[in-house]
Amino acid sequence: MKKLLINAAIVMALGLASGAQAQDAAKLAQDKSCLACHQLDKKLVGPAYKEVAKKYAGNKGAEAMLIKKVRAGGTGVWGQIPMPPNTGVNEKEAQILVKWILSQK
C-alpha cells in the first residue's frame, strides 16, 4: 500500500502527458533503486530531479548525454560524490528515466 501511495504521488508530481507513462517511469525508478539517491524536489545523495531538469532545460544534447550518464555513472557535475554506473539499466530504460527526469517542472 505504501509503494502504491508513493507511486501515486510521483505520478501527480510528474506532469507527464500520460498517467500510464508516469507510472511506468516511477515504477522503473523505484525498481532500479534510483530513488535511493534521488528525490523529485530535494537533494538526497544526488541532485533532485527537478534541479536536473532545470539545469538541462533547453539543452538539445541533454537527453543523450544523460542516458549515457545513467548507465556509465560519473562525478563532478553535481559535486564530488560519484554516481555509480547503473549496469542493470538498459538503453531503453535509461531513455524512459531520462525523459521522466527532464519532464520535471
PDB file of N, CA and C in Angstrom:
ATOM      1  N   MET A   1       0.823  -1.193   0.000  1.00  0.00           N
ATOM      2  CA  MET A   1       0.000   0.000   0.000  1.00  0.00           C
ATOM      3  C   MET A   1       0.870   1.260   0.000  1.00  0.00           C
ATOM      4  N   LYS A   2       1.950   1.237   0.796  1.00  0.00           N
ATOM      5  CA  LYS A   2       2.840   2.390   0.873  1.00  0.00           C
ATOM      6  C   LYS A   2       3.470   2.683  -0.496  1.00  0.00           C
ATOM      7  N   LYS A   3       3.916   1.629  -1.195  1.00  0.00           N
ATOM      8  CA  LYS A   3       4.509   1.821  -2.524  1.00  0.00           C
ATOM      9  C   LYS A   3       3.490   2.411  -3.491  1.00  0.00           C
ATOM     10  N   LEU A   4       2.239   1.968  -3.401  1.00  0.00           N
ATOM     11  CA  LEU A   4       1.190   2.485  -4.270  1.00  0.00           C
ATOM     12  C   LEU A   4       0.987   3.975  -4.024  1.00  0.00           C
ATOM     13  N   LEU A   5       0.977   4.390  -2.768  1.00  0.00           N
ATOM     14  CA  LEU A   5       0.821   5.807  -2.450  1.00  0.00           C
ATOM     15  C   LEU A   5       2.009   6.625  -2.930  1.00  0.00           C
ATOM     16  N   ILE A   6       3.203   6.077  -2.771  1.00  0.00           N
ATOM     17  CA  ILE A   6       4.403   6.762  -3.254  1.00  0.00           C
ATOM     18  C   ILE A   6       4.332   6.925  -4.767  1.00  0.00           C
ATOM     19  N   ASN A   7       3.976   5.855  -5.463  1.00  0.00           N
ATOM     20  CA  ASN A   7       3.875   5.929  -6.923  1.00  0.00           C
ATOM     21  C   ASN A   7       2.807   6.932  -7.355  1.00  0.00           C
ATOM     22  N   ALA A   8       1.682   6.965  -6.650  1.00  0.00           N
ATOM     23  CA  ALA A   8       0.618   7.912  -6.990  1.00  0.00           C
ATOM     24  C   ALA A   8       1.101   9.343  -6.812  1.00  0.00           C
ATOM     25  N   ALA A   9       1.834   9.605  -5.739  1.00  0.00           N
ATOM     26  CA  ALA A   9       2.371  10.950  -5.504  1.00  0.00           C
ATOM     27  C   ALA A   9       3.366  11.336  -6.587  1.00  0.00           C
ATOM     28  N   ILE A  10       4.195  10.397  -6.984  1.00  0.00           N
ATOM     29  CA  ILE A  10       5.166  10.666  -8.044  1.00  0.00           C
ATOM     30  C   ILE A  10       4.450  10.956  -9.351  1.00  0.00           C
ATOM     31  N   VAL A  11       3.423  10.177  -9.662  1.00  0.00           N
ATOM     32  CA  VAL A  11       2.669  10.377 -10.900  1.00  0.00           C
ATOM     33  C   VAL A  11       2.054  11.772 -10.924  1.00  0.00           C
ATOM     34  N   MET A  12       1.478  12.201  -9.821  1.00  0.00           N
ATOM     35  CA  MET A  12       0.866  13.531  -9.778  1.00  0.00           C
ATOM     36  C   MET A  12       1.922  14.617  -9.931  1.00  0.00           C
ATOM     37  N   ALA A  13       3.082  14.402  -9.372  1.00  0.00           N
ATOM     38  CA  ALA A  13       4.138  15.405  -9.440  1.00  0.00           C
ATOM     39  C   ALA A  13       4.796  15.476 -10.812  1.00  0.00           C
ATOM     40  N   LEU A  14       4.711  14.415 -11.565  1.00  0.00           N
ATOM     41  CA  LEU A  14       5.432  14.353 -12.834  1.00  0.00           C
ATOM     42  C   LEU A  14       4.903  15.289 -13.898  1.00  0.00           C
ATOM     43  N   GLY A  15       3.596  15.345 -14.053  1.00  0.00           N
ATOM     44  CA  GLY A  15       3.031  16.182 -15.087  1.00  0.00           C
ATOM     45  C   GLY A  15       3.322  15.660 -16.485  1.00  0.00           C
ATOM     46  N   LEU A  16       3.556  14.379 -16.650  1.00  0.00           N
ATOM     47  CA  LEU A  16       3.767  13.817 -17.982  1.00  0.00           C
ATOM     48  C   LEU A  16       2.443  13.738 -18.717  1.00  0.00           C
ATOM     49  N   ALA A  17       2.511  13.622 -20.026  1.00  0.00           N
ATOM     50  CA  ALA A  17       1.308  13.598 -20.841  1.00  0.00           C
ATOM     51  C   ALA A  17       0.393  12.446 -20.460  1.00  0.00           C
ATOM     52  N   SER A  18       0.936  11.334 -20.126  1.00  0.00           N
ATOM     53  CA  SER A  18       0.144  10.150 -19.837  1.00  0.00           C
ATOM     54  C   SER A  18       0.419   9.665 -18.426  1.00  0.00           C
ATOM     55  N   GLY A  19      -0.656   9.440 -17.670  1.00  0.00           N
ATOM     56  CA  GLY A  19      -0.503   8.887 -16.335  1.00  0.00           C
ATOM     57  C   GLY A  19       0.159   7.525 -16.375  1.00  0.00           C
ATOM     58  N   ALA A  20      -0.122   6.743 -17.426  1.00  0.00           N
ATOM     59  CA  ALA A  20       0.496   5.423 -17.556  1.00  0.00           C
ATOM     60  C   ALA A  20       1.996   5.545 -17.768  1.00  0.00           C
ATOM     61  N   GLN A  21       2.417   6.511 -18.578  1.00  0.00           N
ATOM     62  CA  GLN A  21       3.853   6.741 -18.790  1.00  0.00           C
ATOM     63  C   GLN A  21       4.529   7.133 -17.482  1.00  0.00           C
ATOM     64  N   ALA A  22       3.885   8.001 -16.741  1.00  0.00           N
ATOM     65  CA  ALA A  22       4.448   8.456 -15.470  1.00  0.00           C
ATOM     66  C   ALA A  22       4.540   7.299 -14.489  1.00  0.00           C
ATOM     67  N   GLN A  23       3.511   6.473 -14.441  1.00  0.00           N
ATOM     68  CA  GLN A  23       3.538   5.313 -13.552  1.00  0.00           C
ATOM     69  C   GLN A  23       4.657   4.360 -13.929  1.00  0.00           C
ATOM     70  N   ASP A  24       4.821   4.122 -15.221  1.00  0.00           N
ATOM     71  CA  ASP A  24       5.899   3.245 -15.688  1.00  0.00           C
ATOM     72  C   ASP A  24       7.259   3.796 -15.290  1.00  0.00           C
ATOM     73  N   ALA A  25       7.456   5.096 -15.477  1.00  0.00           N
ATOM     74  CA  ALA A  25       8.729   5.719 -15.137  1.00  0.00           C
ATOM     75  C   ALA A  25       8.965   5.691 -13.631  1.00  0.00           C
ATOM     76  N   ALA A  26       7.936   5.977 -12.863  1.00  0.00           N
ATOM     77  CA  ALA A  26       8.068   5.964 -11.401  1.00  0.00           C
ATOM     78  C   ALA A  26       8.386   4.566 -10.901  1.00  0.00           C
ATOM     79  N   LYS A  27       7.721   3.570 -11.450  1.00  0.00           N
ATOM     80  CA  LYS A  27       7.988   2.192 -11.048  1.00  0.00           C
ATOM     81  C   LYS A  27       9.405   1.787 -11.439  1.00  0.00           C
ATOM     82  N   LEU A  28       9.828   2.182 -12.622  1.00  0.00           N
ATOM     83  CA  LEU A  28      11.170   1.869 -13.081  1.00  0.00           C
ATOM     84  C   LEU A  28      12.213   2.524 -12.166  1.00  0.00           C
ATOM     85  N   ALA A  29      12.001   3.783 -11.814  1.00  0.00           N
ATOM     86  CA  ALA A  29      12.933   4.477 -10.912  1.00  0.00           C
ATOM     87  C   ALA A  29      13.001   3.766  -9.565  1.00  0.00           C
ATOM     88  N   GLN A  30      11.874   3.291  -9.104  1.00  0.00           N
ATOM     89  CA  GLN A  30      11.844   2.569  -7.830  1.00  0.00           C
ATOM     90  C   GLN A  30      12.520   1.208  -7.974  1.00  0.00           C
ATOM     91  N   ASP A  31      12.204   0.485  -9.031  1.00  0.00           N
ATOM     92  CA  ASP A  31      12.765  -0.855  -9.250  1.00  0.00           C
ATOM     93  C   ASP A  31      14.281  -0.820  -9.448  1.00  0.00           C
ATOM     94  N   LYS A  32      14.778   0.228 -10.071  1.00  0.00           N
ATOM     95  CA  LYS A  32      16.216   0.345 -10.359  1.00  0.00           C
ATOM     96  C   LYS A  32      16.968   1.070  -9.251  1.00  0.00           C
ATOM     97  N   SER A  33      16.298   1.325  -8.144  1.00  0.00           N
ATOM     98  CA  SER A  33      16.884   1.954  -6.945  1.00  0.00           C
ATOM     99  C   SER A  33      17.346   3.396  -7.160  1.00  0.00           C
ATOM    100  N   CYS A  34      16.825   4.069  -8.162  1.00  0.00           N
ATOM    101  CA  CYS A  34      17.183   5.471  -8.396  1.00  0.00           C
ATOM    102  C   CYS A  34      16.749   6.348  -7.220  1.00  0.00           C
ATOM    103  N   LEU A  35      15.607   6.000  -6.630  1.00  0.00           N
ATOM    104  CA  LEU A  35      15.052   6.815  -5.564  1.00  0.00           C
ATOM    105  C   LEU A  35      15.794   6.646  -4.247  1.00  0.00           C
ATOM    106  N   ALA A  36      16.759   5.750  -4.206  1.00  0.00           N
ATOM    107  CA  ALA A  36      17.602   5.623  -3.015  1.00  0.00           C
ATOM    108  C   ALA A  36      18.553   6.820  -2.903  1.00  0.00           C
ATOM    109  N   CYS A  37      18.876   7.444  -4.037  1.00  0.00           N
ATOM    110  CA  CYS A  37      19.810   8.574  -4.047  1.00  0.00           C
ATOM    111  C   CYS A  37      19.190   9.879  -4.538  1.00  0.00           C
ATOM    112  N   HIS A  38      18.073   9.809  -5.222  1.00  0.00           N
ATOM    113  CA  HIS A  38      17.441  10.996  -5.810  1.00  0.00           C
ATOM    114  C   HIS A  38      15.994  11.105  -5.361  1.00  0.00           C
ATOM    115  N   GLN A  39      15.525  12.329  -5.209  1.00  0.00           N
ATOM    116  CA  GLN A  39      14.117  12.605  -4.966  1.00  0.00           C
ATOM    117  C   GLN A  39      13.658  13.641  -5.983  1.00  0.00           C
ATOM    118  N   LEU A  40      12.352  13.819  -6.073  1.00  0.00           N
ATOM    119  CA  LEU A  40      11.827  14.757  -7.057  1.00  0.00           C
ATOM    120  C   LEU A  40      12.222  16.195  -6.776  1.00  0.00           C
ATOM    121  N   ASP A  41      12.074  16.619  -5.529  1.00  0.00           N
ATOM    122  CA  ASP A  41      12.206  18.046  -5.265  1.00  0.00           C
ATOM    123  C   ASP A  41      13.211  18.434  -4.189  1.00  0.00           C
ATOM    124  N   LYS A  42      14.025  17.495  -3.742  1.00  0.00           N
ATOM    125  CA  LYS A  42      15.088  17.869  -2.808  1.00  0.00           C
ATOM    126  C   LYS A  42      16.286  16.955  -2.978  1.00  0.00           C
ATOM    127  N   LYS A  43      17.445  17.530  -2.706  1.00  0.00           N
ATOM    128  CA  LYS A  43      18.697  16.785  -2.812  1.00  0.00           C
ATOM    129  C   LYS A  43      18.722  15.698  -1.747  1.00  0.00           C
ATOM    130  N   LEU A  44      19.153  14.532  -2.125  1.00  0.00           N
ATOM    131  CA  LEU A  44      19.365  13.450  -1.174  1.00  0.00           C
ATOM    132  C   LEU A  44      20.863  13.168  -1.228  1.00  0.00           C
ATOM    133  N   VAL A  45      21.275  12.105  -1.857  1.00  0.00           N
ATOM    134  CA  VAL A  45      22.698  11.873  -2.126  1.00  0.00           C
ATOM    135  C   VAL A  45      23.055  12.607  -3.417  1.00  0.00           C
ATOM    136  N   GLY A  46      22.205  12.433  -4.413  1.00  0.00           N
ATOM    137  CA  GLY A  46      22.364  13.118  -5.687  1.00  0.00           C
ATOM    138  C   GLY A  46      21.367  14.253  -5.795  1.00  0.00           C
ATOM    139  N   PRO A  47      21.416  15.002  -6.881  1.00  0.00           N
ATOM    140  CA  PRO A  47      20.539  16.162  -7.040  1.00  0.00           C
ATOM    141  C   PRO A  47      19.070  15.757  -7.183  1.00  0.00           C
ATOM    142  N   ALA A  48      18.187  16.686  -6.844  1.00  0.00           N
ATOM    143  CA  ALA A  48      16.754  16.498  -7.057  1.00  0.00           C
ATOM    144  C   ALA A  48      16.488  16.444  -8.560  1.00  0.00           C
ATOM    145  N   TYR A  49      15.538  15.632  -8.953  1.00  0.00           N
ATOM    146  CA  TYR A  49      15.220  15.532 -10.374  1.00  0.00           C
ATOM    147  C   TYR A  49      14.779  16.871 -10.951  1.00  0.00           C
ATOM    148  N   LYS A  50      14.075  17.681 -10.173  1.00  0.00           N
ATOM    149  CA  LYS A  50      13.656  18.995 -10.661  1.00  0.00           C
ATOM    150  C   LYS A  50      14.860  19.892 -10.938  1.00  0.00           C
ATOM    151  N   GLU A  51      15.913  19.764 -10.150  1.00  0.00           N
ATOM    152  CA  GLU A  51      17.132  20.547 -10.384  1.00  0.00           C
ATOM    153  C   GLU A  51      17.845  20.077 -11.653  1.00  0.00           C
ATOM    154  N   VAL A  52      17.836  18.769 -11.876  1.00  0.00           N
ATOM    155  CA  VAL A  52      18.437  18.238 -13.105  1.00  0.00           C
ATOM    156  C   VAL A  52      17.682  18.776 -14.311  1.00  0.00           C
ATOM    157  N   ALA A  53      16.349  18.716 -14.265  1.00  0.00           N
ATOM    158  CA  ALA A  53      15.533  19.213 -15.375  1.00  0.00           C
ATOM    159  C   ALA A  53      15.795  20.697 -15.617  1.00  0.00           C
ATOM    160  N   LYS A  54      15.900  21.455 -14.542  1.00  0.00           N
ATOM    161  CA  LYS A  54      16.148  22.894 -14.665  1.00  0.00           C
ATOM    162  C   LYS A  54      17.519  23.158 -15.284  1.00  0.00           C
ATOM    163  N   LYS A  55      18.530  22.435 -14.826  1.00  0.00           N
ATOM    164  CA  LYS A  55      19.895  22.627 -15.323  1.00  0.00           C
ATOM    165  C   LYS A  55      19.996  22.356 -16.828  1.00  0.00           C
ATOM    166  N   TYR A  56      19.278  21.351 -17.300  1.00  0.00           N
ATOM    167  CA  TYR A  56      19.402  20.937 -18.698  1.00  0.00           C
ATOM    168  C   TYR A  56      18.262  21.415 -19.593  1.00  0.00           C
ATOM    169  N   ALA A  57      17.367  22.247 -19.073  1.00  0.00           N
ATOM    170  CA  ALA A  57      16.259  22.771 -19.879  1.00  0.00           C
ATOM    171  C   ALA A  57      16.810  23.491 -21.106  1.00  0.00           C
ATOM    172  N   GLY A  58      16.289  23.147 -22.260  1.00  0.00           N
ATOM    173  CA  GLY A  58      16.707  23.791 -23.499  1.00  0.00           C
ATOM    174  C   GLY A  58      17.985  23.243 -24.105  1.00  0.00           C
ATOM    175  N   ASN A  59      18.632  22.322 -23.437  1.00  0.00           N
ATOM    176  CA  ASN A  59      19.872  21.722 -23.945  1.00  0.00           C
ATOM    177  C   ASN A  59      19.496  20.535 -24.835  1.00  0.00           C
ATOM    178  N   LYS A  60      19.682  20.697 -26.136  1.00  0.00           N
ATOM    179  CA  LYS A  60      19.264  19.659 -27.088  1.00  0.00           C
ATOM    180  C   LYS A  60      20.023  18.352 -26.937  1.00  0.00           C
ATOM    181  N   GLY A  61      21.232  18.397 -26.453  1.00  0.00           N
ATOM    182  CA  GLY A  61      22.027  17.182 -26.293  1.00  0.00           C
ATOM    183  C   GLY A  61      21.904  16.536 -24.923  1.00  0.00           C
ATOM    184  N   ALA A  62      21.081  17.134 -24.054  1.00  0.00           N
ATOM    185  CA  ALA A  62      20.994  16.654 -22.670  1.00  0.00           C
ATOM    186  C   ALA A  62      20.482  15.219 -22.567  1.00  0.00           C
ATOM    187  N   GLU A  63      19.453  14.893 -23.331  1.00  0.00           N
ATOM    188  CA  GLU A  63      18.864  13.558 -23.206  1.00  0.00           C
ATOM    189  C   GLU A  63      19.890  12.471 -23.502  1.00  0.00           C
ATOM    190  N   ALA A  64      20.579  12.576 -24.614  1.00  0.00           N
ATOM    191  CA  ALA A  64      21.577  11.562 -24.985  1.00  0.00           C
ATOM    192  C   ALA A  64      22.712  11.512 -23.965  1.00  0.00           C
ATOM    193  N   MET A  65      23.163  12.681 -23.511  1.00  0.00           N
ATOM    194  CA  MET A  65      24.242  12.727 -22.536  1.00  0.00           C
ATOM    195  C   MET A  65      23.830  12.090 -21.217  1.00  0.00           C
ATOM    196  N   LEU A  66      22.609  12.383 -20.777  1.00  0.00           N
ATOM    197  CA  LEU A  66      22.140  11.844 -19.504  1.00  0.00           C
ATOM    198  C   LEU A  66      21.861  10.345 -19.579  1.00  0.00           C
ATOM    199  N   ILE A  67      21.426   9.863 -20.723  1.00  0.00           N
ATOM    200  CA  ILE A  67      21.238   8.414 -20.892  1.00  0.00           C
ATOM    201  C   ILE A  67      22.569   7.707 -20.682  1.00  0.00           C
ATOM    202  N   LYS A  68      23.614   8.244 -21.276  1.00  0.00           N
ATOM    203  CA  LYS A  68      24.948   7.665 -21.077  1.00  0.00           C
ATOM    204  C   LYS A  68      25.374   7.770 -19.619  1.00  0.00           C
ATOM    205  N   LYS A  69      25.103   8.919 -18.996  1.00  0.00           N
ATOM    206  CA  LYS A  69      25.490   9.155 -17.599  1.00  0.00           C
ATOM    207  C   LYS A  69      24.759   8.185 -16.657  1.00  0.00           C
ATOM    208  N   VAL A  70      23.487   7.932 -16.905  1.00  0.00           N
ATOM    209  CA  VAL A  70      22.725   6.987 -16.074  1.00  0.00           C
ATOM    210  C   VAL A  70      23.383   5.619 -16.120  1.00  0.00           C
ATOM    211  N   ARG A  71      23.788   5.203 -17.289  1.00  0.00           N
ATOM    212  CA  ARG A  71      24.338   3.856 -17.451  1.00  0.00           C
ATOM    213  C   ARG A  71      25.807   3.761 -17.025  1.00  0.00           C
ATOM    214  N   ALA A  72      26.602   4.792 -17.296  1.00  0.00           N
ATOM    215  CA  ALA A  72      28.042   4.729 -17.028  1.00  0.00           C
ATOM    216  C   ALA A  72      28.445   5.344 -15.690  1.00  0.00           C
ATOM    217  N   GLY A  73      27.567   6.184 -15.119  1.00  0.00           N
ATOM    218  CA  GLY A  73      27.914   6.882 -13.886  1.00  0.00           C
ATOM    219  C   GLY A  73      28.772   8.091 -14.183  1.00  0.00           C
ATOM    220  N   GLY A  74      29.243   8.738 -13.131  1.00  0.00           N
ATOM    221  CA  GLY A  74      30.103   9.893 -13.321  1.00  0.00           C
ATOM    222  C   GLY A  74      30.270  10.668 -12.035  1.00  0.00           C
ATOM    223  N   THR A  75      31.024  11.745 -12.115  1.00  0.00           N
ATOM    224  CA  THR A  75      31.259  12.611 -10.968  1.00  0.00           C
ATOM    225  C   THR A  75      31.640  13.997 -11.455  1.00  0.00           C
ATOM    226  N   GLY A  76      31.485  14.980 -10.570  1.00  0.00           N
ATOM    227  CA  GLY A  76      31.965  16.319 -10.860  1.00  0.00           C
ATOM    228  C   GLY A  76      30.922  17.319 -11.282  1.00  0.00           C
ATOM    229  N   VAL A  77      29.820  16.899 -11.858  1.00  0.00           N
ATOM    230  CA  VAL A  77      28.808  17.847 -12.318  1.00  0.00           C
ATOM    231  C   VAL A  77      28.032  18.421 -11.134  1.00  0.00           C
ATOM    232  N   TRP A  78      27.726  17.590 -10.162  1.00  0.00           N
ATOM    233  CA  TRP A  78      26.925  17.996  -9.008  1.00  0.00           C
ATOM    234  C   TRP A  78      27.744  17.923  -7.710  1.00  0.00           C
ATOM    235  N   GLY A  79      29.034  17.910  -7.808  1.00  0.00           N
ATOM    236  CA  GLY A  79      29.889  17.785  -6.636  1.00  0.00           C
ATOM    237  C   GLY A  79      30.776  16.559  -6.783  1.00  0.00           C
ATOM    238  N   GLN A  80      31.451  16.210  -5.727  1.00  0.00           N
ATOM    239  CA  GLN A  80      32.428  15.132  -5.815  1.00  0.00           C
ATOM    240  C   GLN A  80      31.895  13.751  -5.419  1.00  0.00           C
ATOM    241  N   ILE A  81      30.636  13.662  -5.002  1.00  0.00           N
ATOM    242  CA  ILE A  81      30.067  12.353  -4.707  1.00  0.00           C
ATOM    243  C   ILE A  81      29.759  11.675  -6.039  1.00  0.00           C
ATOM    244  N   PRO A  82      30.386  10.530  -6.308  1.00  0.00           N
ATOM    245  CA  PRO A  82      30.184   9.888  -7.613  1.00  0.00           C
ATOM    246  C   PRO A  82      28.825   9.214  -7.731  1.00  0.00           C
ATOM    247  N   MET A  83      28.315   9.215  -8.941  1.00  0.00           N
ATOM    248  CA  MET A  83      27.145   8.415  -9.265  1.00  0.00           C
ATOM    249  C   MET A  83      27.690   7.121  -9.847  1.00  0.00           C
ATOM    250  N   PRO A  84      27.395   6.005  -9.193  1.00  0.00           N
ATOM    251  CA  PRO A  84      27.940   4.746  -9.702  1.00  0.00           C
ATOM    252  C   PRO A  84      27.273   4.344 -11.016  1.00  0.00           C
ATOM    253  N   PRO A  85      27.944   3.530 -11.819  1.00  0.00           N
ATOM    254  CA  PRO A  85      27.317   3.035 -13.047  1.00  0.00           C
ATOM    255  C   PRO A  85      26.100   2.186 -12.712  1.00  0.00           C
ATOM    256  N   ASN A  86      25.098   2.288 -13.530  1.00  0.00           N
ATOM    257  CA  ASN A  86      23.873   1.501 -13.365  1.00  0.00           C
ATOM    258  C   ASN A  86      23.828   0.448 -14.467  1.00  0.00           C
ATOM    259  N   THR A  87      24.631  -0.585 -14.295  1.00  0.00           N
ATOM    260  CA  THR A  87      24.752  -1.617 -15.325  1.00  0.00           C
ATOM    261  C   THR A  87      23.470  -2.434 -15.489  1.00  0.00           C
ATOM    262  N   GLY A  88      22.582  -2.369 -14.505  1.00  0.00           N
ATOM    263  CA  GLY A  88      21.309  -3.078 -14.603  1.00  0.00           C
ATOM    264  C   GLY A  88      20.239  -2.299 -15.345  1.00  0.00           C
ATOM    265  N   VAL A  89      20.585  -1.106 -15.820  1.00  0.00           N
ATOM    266  CA  VAL A  89      19.650  -0.271 -16.574  1.00  0.00           C
ATOM    267  C   VAL A  89      20.045  -0.354 -18.044  1.00  0.00           C
ATOM    268  N   ASN A  90      19.132  -0.860 -18.874  1.00  0.00           N
ATOM    269  CA  ASN A  90      19.448  -0.937 -20.302  1.00  0.00           C
ATOM    270  C   ASN A  90      19.158   0.404 -20.982  1.00  0.00           C
ATOM    271  N   GLU A  91      19.485   0.496 -22.248  1.00  0.00           N
ATOM    272  CA  GLU A  91      19.353   1.756 -23.007  1.00  0.00           C
ATOM    273  C   GLU A  91      17.915   2.279 -23.006  1.00  0.00           C
ATOM    274  N   LYS A  92      16.959   1.413 -23.251  1.00  0.00           N
ATOM    275  CA  LYS A  92      15.545   1.822 -23.289  1.00  0.00           C
ATOM    276  C   LYS A  92      15.078   2.301 -21.919  1.00  0.00           C
ATOM    277  N   GLU A  93      15.459   1.588 -20.867  1.00  0.00           N
ATOM    278  CA  GLU A  93      15.095   2.006 -19.513  1.00  0.00           C
ATOM    279  C   GLU A  93      15.714   3.358 -19.173  1.00  0.00           C
ATOM    280  N   ALA A  94      16.966   3.542 -19.554  1.00  0.00           N
ATOM    281  CA  ALA A  94      17.635   4.820 -19.304  1.00  0.00           C
ATOM    282  C   ALA A  94      16.914   5.949 -20.034  1.00  0.00           C
ATOM    283  N   GLN A  95      16.461   5.683 -21.237  1.00  0.00           N
ATOM    284  CA  GLN A  95      15.733   6.701 -22.001  1.00  0.00           C
ATOM    285  C   GLN A  95      14.422   7.065 -21.302  1.00  0.00           C
ATOM    286  N   ILE A  96      13.698   6.067 -20.817  1.00  0.00           N
ATOM    287  CA  ILE A  96      12.446   6.321 -20.095  1.00  0.00           C
ATOM    288  C   ILE A  96      12.726   7.165 -18.850  1.00  0.00           C
ATOM    289  N   LEU A  97      13.745   6.780 -18.104  1.00  0.00           N
ATOM    290  CA  LEU A  97      14.089   7.510 -16.882  1.00  0.00           C
ATOM    291  C   LEU A  97      14.494   8.950 -17.181  1.00  0.00           C
ATOM    292  N   VAL A  98      15.324   9.142 -18.183  1.00  0.00           N
ATOM    293  CA  VAL A  98      15.800  10.483 -18.512  1.00  0.00           C
ATOM    294  C   VAL A  98      14.664  11.375 -19.010  1.00  0.00           C
ATOM    295  N   LYS A  99      13.796  10.862 -19.849  1.00  0.00           N
ATOM    296  CA  LYS A  99      12.647  11.648 -20.307  1.00  0.00           C
ATOM    297  C   LYS A  99      11.799  12.075 -19.115  1.00  0.00           C
ATOM    298  N   TRP A 100      11.617  11.163 -18.185  1.00  0.00           N
ATOM    299  CA  TRP A 100      10.843  11.433 -16.967  1.00  0.00           C
ATOM    300  C   TRP A 100      11.527  12.525 -16.150  1.00  0.00           C
ATOM    301  N   ILE A 101      12.809  12.398 -15.952  1.00  0.00           N
ATOM    302  CA  ILE A 101      13.562  13.388 -15.166  1.00  0.00           C
ATOM    303  C   ILE A 101      13.504  14.754 -15.840  1.00  0.00           C
ATOM    304  N   LEU A 102      13.724  14.795 -17.136  1.00  0.00           N
ATOM    305  CA  LEU A 102      13.729  16.078 -17.849  1.00  0.00           C
ATOM    306  C   LEU A 102      12.352  16.718 -17.940  1.00  0.00           C
ATOM    307  N   SER A 103      11.293  15.942 -17.674  1.00  0.00           N
ATOM    308  CA  SER A 103       9.925  16.495 -17.704  1.00  0.00           C
ATOM    309  C   SER A 103       9.545  17.211 -16.420  1.00  0.00           C
ATOM    310  N   GLN A 104      10.378  17.143 -15.410  1.00  0.00           N
ATOM    311  CA  GLN A 104      10.071  17.764 -14.113  1.00  0.00           C
ATOM    312  C   GLN A 104      10.040  19.278 -14.242  1.00  0.00           C
ATOM    313  N   LYS A 105       9.090  19.886 -13.609  1.00  0.00           N
ATOM    314  CA  LYS A 105       8.943  21.358 -13.622  1.00  0.00           C
ATOM    315  C   LYS A 105       9.078  21.901 -12.227  1.00  0.00           C
TER     316      LYS A 105
END
